[in-house]
Protein backbone atom coordinates (compact mmCIF):
# COMPACT_ATOMS: atom_id res chain seq x y z
CA UNK A 1 0.00 0.00 0.00
CA UNK A 2 1.33 3.40 -0.93
CA UNK A 3 1.95 5.82 1.88
CA UNK A 4 -0.42 8.43 0.38
CA UNK A 5 -3.30 5.91 0.51
CA UNK A 6 -2.79 5.12 4.21
CA UNK A 7 -4.96 8.00 5.59
CA UNK A 8 -7.81 7.03 3.24
CA UNK A 9 -7.50 3.38 4.28
CA UNK A 10 -7.50 4.26 8.00
CA UNK A 11 -10.53 6.52 7.52
CA UNK A 12 -12.41 3.71 5.76
CA UNK A 13 -11.57 1.27 8.57
CA UNK A 14 -12.77 3.82 11.15
CA UNK A 15 -16.08 4.25 9.34
CA UNK A 16 -16.52 0.49 9.04
CA UNK A 17 -16.07 0.15 12.80
CA UNK A 18 -18.51 2.96 13.42
CA UNK A 19 -21.26 1.51 11.22
CA UNK A 20 -20.82 -2.07 12.37
CA UNK A 21 -20.85 -1.16 16.06
CA UNK A 22 -17.15 -1.95 16.35
CA UNK A 23 -16.87 -5.71 16.06
CA UNK A 24 -14.70 -5.96 19.17
CA UNK A 25 -17.77 -5.16 21.26
CA UNK A 26 -19.77 -8.17 20.13
CA UNK A 27 -21.12 -9.92 23.22
CA UNK A 28 -19.54 -7.28 25.44
CA UNK A 29 -22.70 -6.00 27.07
CA UNK A 30 -22.48 -4.49 30.51
CA UNK A 31 -26.06 -5.60 31.21
CA UNK A 32 -24.59 -8.35 33.39
CA UNK A 33 -21.89 -7.80 36.00
CA UNK A 34 -18.40 -9.16 35.42
CA UNK A 35 -17.77 -12.69 36.62
CA UNK A 36 -15.59 -13.35 39.65
CA UNK A 37 -12.80 -14.49 37.31
CA UNK A 38 -13.07 -11.29 35.24
CA UNK A 39 -12.80 -9.19 38.42
CA UNK A 40 -9.72 -11.14 39.53
CA UNK A 41 -8.08 -10.80 36.10
CA UNK A 42 -8.80 -7.06 35.75
CA UNK A 43 -7.57 -6.14 39.24
CA UNK A 44 -4.50 -8.39 38.98
CA UNK A 45 -3.56 -6.95 35.58
CA UNK A 46 -3.98 -3.34 36.77
CA UNK A 47 -1.81 -3.92 39.84
CA UNK A 48 0.89 -5.68 37.80
CA UNK A 49 0.84 -2.92 35.15
CA UNK A 50 1.18 -0.28 37.85
CA UNK A 51 4.24 -1.90 39.42
CA UNK A 52 5.86 -3.05 36.18
CA UNK A 53 5.71 0.51 34.81
CA UNK A 54 7.41 2.04 37.85
CA UNK A 55 10.80 3.58 37.16
CA UNK A 56 11.36 4.06 40.90
CA UNK A 57 10.78 0.37 41.69
CA UNK A 58 12.20 -1.83 38.89
CA UNK A 59 9.96 -4.88 39.15
CA UNK A 60 10.53 -8.46 38.05
CA UNK A 61 7.02 -9.82 38.67
CA UNK A 62 3.83 -9.26 40.68
CA UNK A 63 1.62 -11.97 42.21
CA UNK A 64 -1.83 -10.77 43.26
CA UNK A 65 -4.59 -12.48 45.21
CA UNK A 66 -8.09 -11.01 44.99
CA UNK A 67 -10.48 -12.26 47.67
CA UNK A 68 -13.78 -11.48 49.39
CA UNK A 69 -15.46 -10.34 46.17
CA UNK A 70 -18.92 -8.83 46.71
CA UNK A 71 -21.10 -7.69 43.82
CA UNK A 72 -23.33 -4.67 44.25
CA UNK A 73 -25.79 -3.27 41.78
CA UNK A 74 -25.50 -0.77 38.99
CA UNK A 75 -24.70 2.83 39.92
CA UNK A 76 -24.09 5.99 37.92
CA UNK A 77 -20.42 7.05 37.88
CA UNK A 78 -18.17 9.22 35.78
CA UNK A 79 -15.31 6.96 34.67
CA UNK A 80 -13.44 9.24 32.28
CA UNK A 81 -12.38 12.83 32.67
CA UNK A 82 -15.02 15.08 31.13
CA UNK A 83 -17.34 12.17 30.31
CA UNK A 84 -20.93 12.05 31.51
CA UNK A 85 -21.79 9.55 34.24
CA UNK A 86 -22.79 6.10 33.04
CA UNK A 87 -23.99 2.83 34.52
CA UNK A 88 -21.23 0.79 36.15
CA UNK A 89 -21.18 -2.24 38.43
CA UNK A 90 -20.10 -1.67 42.03
CA UNK A 91 -17.79 -4.44 43.29
CA UNK A 92 -15.99 -4.76 46.62
CA UNK A 93 -12.89 -6.93 46.91
CA UNK A 94 -9.63 -7.25 48.79
CA UNK A 95 -6.41 -7.25 46.78
CA UNK A 96 -2.97 -8.18 48.10
CA UNK A 97 0.15 -8.39 45.97
CA UNK A 98 3.65 -9.73 46.45
CA UNK A 99 5.97 -7.56 44.40
CA UNK A 100 9.32 -9.05 43.43
CA UNK A 101 11.79 -6.27 42.67
CA UNK A 102 14.80 -6.74 40.41
CA UNK A 103 17.17 -6.08 43.34
CA UNK A 104 15.82 -9.18 45.14
CA UNK A 105 13.54 -7.32 47.55
CA UNK A 106 9.98 -8.60 48.04
CA UNK A 107 7.34 -6.02 48.97
CA UNK A 108 3.83 -6.67 50.26
CA UNK A 109 1.25 -4.32 48.73
CA UNK A 110 -2.22 -4.57 50.26
CA UNK A 111 -5.04 -2.41 48.97
CA UNK A 112 -7.14 -1.26 51.90
CA UNK A 113 -10.74 -0.43 51.00
CA UNK A 114 -12.45 1.97 53.32
CA UNK A 115 -16.14 1.85 54.10
CA UNK A 116 -18.03 3.34 51.17
CA UNK A 117 -15.33 2.58 48.60
CA UNK A 118 -15.66 0.16 45.71
CA UNK A 119 -14.36 -0.81 42.29
CA UNK A 120 -16.63 0.40 39.50
CA UNK A 121 -16.56 -2.02 36.55
CA UNK A 122 -17.59 -1.03 33.04
CA UNK A 123 -16.88 -2.05 29.45
CA UNK A 124 -14.18 0.00 27.73
CA UNK A 125 -14.25 1.05 24.06
CA UNK A 126 -12.93 -2.37 23.06
CA UNK A 127 -15.48 -4.37 25.07
CA UNK A 128 -13.02 -5.42 27.78
CA UNK A 129 -13.83 -5.02 31.48
CA UNK A 130 -12.15 -1.97 33.01
CA UNK A 131 -12.62 -0.32 36.39
CA UNK A 132 -12.12 2.77 38.48
CA UNK A 133 -11.77 2.78 42.23
CA UNK A 134 -13.52 5.34 44.39
CA UNK A 135 -16.32 6.32 46.74
CA UNK A 136 -19.89 5.12 46.36
C-alpha atoms as a PDB file:
ATOM      1  CA  UNK A   1       0.000   0.000   0.000  1.00  0.00           C
ATOM      2  CA  UNK A   2       1.332   3.398  -0.930  1.00  0.00           C
ATOM      3  CA  UNK A   3       1.949   5.820   1.881  1.00  0.00           C
ATOM      4  CA  UNK A   4      -0.418   8.430   0.376  1.00  0.00           C
ATOM      5  CA  UNK A   5      -3.298   5.907   0.511  1.00  0.00           C
ATOM      6  CA  UNK A   6      -2.794   5.121   4.208  1.00  0.00           C
ATOM      7  CA  UNK A   7      -4.958   7.995   5.586  1.00  0.00           C
ATOM      8  CA  UNK A   8      -7.814   7.028   3.238  1.00  0.00           C
ATOM      9  CA  UNK A   9      -7.499   3.384   4.279  1.00  0.00           C
ATOM     10  CA  UNK A  10      -7.501   4.256   7.996  1.00  0.00           C
ATOM     11  CA  UNK A  11     -10.527   6.518   7.516  1.00  0.00           C
ATOM     12  CA  UNK A  12     -12.409   3.714   5.764  1.00  0.00           C
ATOM     13  CA  UNK A  13     -11.566   1.267   8.566  1.00  0.00           C
ATOM     14  CA  UNK A  14     -12.774   3.821  11.152  1.00  0.00           C
ATOM     15  CA  UNK A  15     -16.081   4.251   9.338  1.00  0.00           C
ATOM     16  CA  UNK A  16     -16.518   0.492   9.036  1.00  0.00           C
ATOM     17  CA  UNK A  17     -16.066   0.150  12.795  1.00  0.00           C
ATOM     18  CA  UNK A  18     -18.513   2.958  13.423  1.00  0.00           C
ATOM     19  CA  UNK A  19     -21.262   1.514  11.215  1.00  0.00           C
ATOM     20  CA  UNK A  20     -20.824  -2.075  12.374  1.00  0.00           C
ATOM     21  CA  UNK A  21     -20.850  -1.161  16.056  1.00  0.00           C
ATOM     22  CA  UNK A  22     -17.149  -1.948  16.354  1.00  0.00           C
ATOM     23  CA  UNK A  23     -16.875  -5.711  16.063  1.00  0.00           C
ATOM     24  CA  UNK A  24     -14.697  -5.959  19.174  1.00  0.00           C
ATOM     25  CA  UNK A  25     -17.766  -5.161  21.260  1.00  0.00           C
ATOM     26  CA  UNK A  26     -19.769  -8.175  20.132  1.00  0.00           C
ATOM     27  CA  UNK A  27     -21.122  -9.915  23.219  1.00  0.00           C
ATOM     28  CA  UNK A  28     -19.538  -7.280  25.440  1.00  0.00           C
ATOM     29  CA  UNK A  29     -22.697  -6.005  27.066  1.00  0.00           C
ATOM     30  CA  UNK A  30     -22.483  -4.487  30.515  1.00  0.00           C
ATOM     31  CA  UNK A  31     -26.065  -5.602  31.214  1.00  0.00           C
ATOM     32  CA  UNK A  32     -24.595  -8.348  33.389  1.00  0.00           C
ATOM     33  CA  UNK A  33     -21.894  -7.803  36.005  1.00  0.00           C
ATOM     34  CA  UNK A  34     -18.404  -9.157  35.419  1.00  0.00           C
ATOM     35  CA  UNK A  35     -17.769 -12.689  36.619  1.00  0.00           C
ATOM     36  CA  UNK A  36     -15.591 -13.348  39.646  1.00  0.00           C
ATOM     37  CA  UNK A  37     -12.804 -14.486  37.308  1.00  0.00           C
ATOM     38  CA  UNK A  38     -13.065 -11.291  35.242  1.00  0.00           C
ATOM     39  CA  UNK A  39     -12.805  -9.186  38.419  1.00  0.00           C
ATOM     40  CA  UNK A  40      -9.715 -11.135  39.527  1.00  0.00           C
ATOM     41  CA  UNK A  41      -8.076 -10.800  36.102  1.00  0.00           C
ATOM     42  CA  UNK A  42      -8.801  -7.063  35.754  1.00  0.00           C
ATOM     43  CA  UNK A  43      -7.565  -6.144  39.244  1.00  0.00           C
ATOM     44  CA  UNK A  44      -4.497  -8.392  38.976  1.00  0.00           C
ATOM     45  CA  UNK A  45      -3.558  -6.948  35.582  1.00  0.00           C
ATOM     46  CA  UNK A  46      -3.979  -3.345  36.767  1.00  0.00           C
ATOM     47  CA  UNK A  47      -1.815  -3.924  39.839  1.00  0.00           C
ATOM     48  CA  UNK A  48       0.890  -5.680  37.800  1.00  0.00           C
ATOM     49  CA  UNK A  49       0.842  -2.924  35.149  1.00  0.00           C
ATOM     50  CA  UNK A  50       1.177  -0.284  37.852  1.00  0.00           C
ATOM     51  CA  UNK A  51       4.238  -1.905  39.421  1.00  0.00           C
ATOM     52  CA  UNK A  52       5.864  -3.048  36.177  1.00  0.00           C
ATOM     53  CA  UNK A  53       5.706   0.514  34.810  1.00  0.00           C
ATOM     54  CA  UNK A  54       7.405   2.036  37.847  1.00  0.00           C
ATOM     55  CA  UNK A  55      10.804   3.583  37.163  1.00  0.00           C
ATOM     56  CA  UNK A  56      11.355   4.064  40.896  1.00  0.00           C
ATOM     57  CA  UNK A  57      10.783   0.374  41.692  1.00  0.00           C
ATOM     58  CA  UNK A  58      12.205  -1.827  38.889  1.00  0.00           C
ATOM     59  CA  UNK A  59       9.963  -4.884  39.150  1.00  0.00           C
ATOM     60  CA  UNK A  60      10.531  -8.461  38.052  1.00  0.00           C
ATOM     61  CA  UNK A  61       7.023  -9.819  38.674  1.00  0.00           C
ATOM     62  CA  UNK A  62       3.831  -9.261  40.679  1.00  0.00           C
ATOM     63  CA  UNK A  63       1.621 -11.967  42.208  1.00  0.00           C
ATOM     64  CA  UNK A  64      -1.830 -10.765  43.259  1.00  0.00           C
ATOM     65  CA  UNK A  65      -4.594 -12.477  45.214  1.00  0.00           C
ATOM     66  CA  UNK A  66      -8.086 -11.013  44.995  1.00  0.00           C
ATOM     67  CA  UNK A  67     -10.485 -12.258  47.675  1.00  0.00           C
ATOM     68  CA  UNK A  68     -13.784 -11.480  49.391  1.00  0.00           C
ATOM     69  CA  UNK A  69     -15.465 -10.342  46.174  1.00  0.00           C
ATOM     70  CA  UNK A  70     -18.922  -8.834  46.711  1.00  0.00           C
ATOM     71  CA  UNK A  71     -21.099  -7.686  43.821  1.00  0.00           C
ATOM     72  CA  UNK A  72     -23.334  -4.675  44.255  1.00  0.00           C
ATOM     73  CA  UNK A  73     -25.789  -3.270  41.779  1.00  0.00           C
ATOM     74  CA  UNK A  74     -25.500  -0.771  38.992  1.00  0.00           C
ATOM     75  CA  UNK A  75     -24.702   2.826  39.924  1.00  0.00           C
ATOM     76  CA  UNK A  76     -24.088   5.990  37.925  1.00  0.00           C
ATOM     77  CA  UNK A  77     -20.418   7.053  37.879  1.00  0.00           C
ATOM     78  CA  UNK A  78     -18.167   9.215  35.776  1.00  0.00           C
ATOM     79  CA  UNK A  79     -15.312   6.959  34.673  1.00  0.00           C
ATOM     80  CA  UNK A  80     -13.441   9.238  32.281  1.00  0.00           C
ATOM     81  CA  UNK A  81     -12.379  12.830  32.668  1.00  0.00           C
ATOM     82  CA  UNK A  82     -15.018  15.076  31.132  1.00  0.00           C
ATOM     83  CA  UNK A  83     -17.337  12.171  30.306  1.00  0.00           C
ATOM     84  CA  UNK A  84     -20.934  12.046  31.507  1.00  0.00           C
ATOM     85  CA  UNK A  85     -21.790   9.554  34.242  1.00  0.00           C
ATOM     86  CA  UNK A  86     -22.792   6.098  33.037  1.00  0.00           C
ATOM     87  CA  UNK A  87     -23.990   2.828  34.518  1.00  0.00           C
ATOM     88  CA  UNK A  88     -21.231   0.795  36.146  1.00  0.00           C
ATOM     89  CA  UNK A  89     -21.183  -2.243  38.427  1.00  0.00           C
ATOM     90  CA  UNK A  90     -20.102  -1.674  42.034  1.00  0.00           C
ATOM     91  CA  UNK A  91     -17.791  -4.437  43.292  1.00  0.00           C
ATOM     92  CA  UNK A  92     -15.992  -4.761  46.619  1.00  0.00           C
ATOM     93  CA  UNK A  93     -12.895  -6.929  46.912  1.00  0.00           C
ATOM     94  CA  UNK A  94      -9.626  -7.248  48.786  1.00  0.00           C
ATOM     95  CA  UNK A  95      -6.412  -7.249  46.784  1.00  0.00           C
ATOM     96  CA  UNK A  96      -2.973  -8.180  48.097  1.00  0.00           C
ATOM     97  CA  UNK A  97       0.154  -8.387  45.967  1.00  0.00           C
ATOM     98  CA  UNK A  98       3.651  -9.735  46.448  1.00  0.00           C
ATOM     99  CA  UNK A  99       5.970  -7.558  44.398  1.00  0.00           C
ATOM    100  CA  UNK A 100       9.317  -9.050  43.433  1.00  0.00           C
ATOM    101  CA  UNK A 101      11.786  -6.275  42.672  1.00  0.00           C
ATOM    102  CA  UNK A 102      14.798  -6.743  40.413  1.00  0.00           C
ATOM    103  CA  UNK A 103      17.166  -6.075  43.336  1.00  0.00           C
ATOM    104  CA  UNK A 104      15.824  -9.182  45.143  1.00  0.00           C
ATOM    105  CA  UNK A 105      13.540  -7.325  47.552  1.00  0.00           C
ATOM    106  CA  UNK A 106       9.981  -8.597  48.037  1.00  0.00           C
ATOM    107  CA  UNK A 107       7.337  -6.019  48.975  1.00  0.00           C
ATOM    108  CA  UNK A 108       3.827  -6.667  50.258  1.00  0.00           C
ATOM    109  CA  UNK A 109       1.249  -4.323  48.730  1.00  0.00           C
ATOM    110  CA  UNK A 110      -2.222  -4.569  50.262  1.00  0.00           C
ATOM    111  CA  UNK A 111      -5.043  -2.410  48.972  1.00  0.00           C
ATOM    112  CA  UNK A 112      -7.138  -1.264  51.896  1.00  0.00           C
ATOM    113  CA  UNK A 113     -10.740  -0.428  51.002  1.00  0.00           C
ATOM    114  CA  UNK A 114     -12.448   1.968  53.320  1.00  0.00           C
ATOM    115  CA  UNK A 115     -16.144   1.848  54.103  1.00  0.00           C
ATOM    116  CA  UNK A 116     -18.025   3.345  51.171  1.00  0.00           C
ATOM    117  CA  UNK A 117     -15.328   2.577  48.598  1.00  0.00           C
ATOM    118  CA  UNK A 118     -15.659   0.159  45.706  1.00  0.00           C
ATOM    119  CA  UNK A 119     -14.358  -0.806  42.293  1.00  0.00           C
ATOM    120  CA  UNK A 120     -16.628   0.403  39.496  1.00  0.00           C
ATOM    121  CA  UNK A 121     -16.560  -2.015  36.553  1.00  0.00           C
ATOM    122  CA  UNK A 122     -17.587  -1.030  33.040  1.00  0.00           C
ATOM    123  CA  UNK A 123     -16.881  -2.047  29.447  1.00  0.00           C
ATOM    124  CA  UNK A 124     -14.181   0.001  27.728  1.00  0.00           C
ATOM    125  CA  UNK A 125     -14.248   1.052  24.064  1.00  0.00           C
ATOM    126  CA  UNK A 126     -12.933  -2.374  23.061  1.00  0.00           C
ATOM    127  CA  UNK A 127     -15.475  -4.368  25.067  1.00  0.00           C
ATOM    128  CA  UNK A 128     -13.022  -5.418  27.784  1.00  0.00           C
ATOM    129  CA  UNK A 129     -13.827  -5.017  31.476  1.00  0.00           C
ATOM    130  CA  UNK A 130     -12.154  -1.972  33.011  1.00  0.00           C
ATOM    131  CA  UNK A 131     -12.621  -0.319  36.389  1.00  0.00           C
ATOM    132  CA  UNK A 132     -12.120   2.770  38.480  1.00  0.00           C
ATOM    133  CA  UNK A 133     -11.771   2.784  42.226  1.00  0.00           C
ATOM    134  CA  UNK A 134     -13.520   5.340  44.391  1.00  0.00           C
ATOM    135  CA  UNK A 135     -16.320   6.320  46.741  1.00  0.00           C
ATOM    136  CA  UNK A 136     -19.889   5.122  46.365  1.00  0.00           C
END
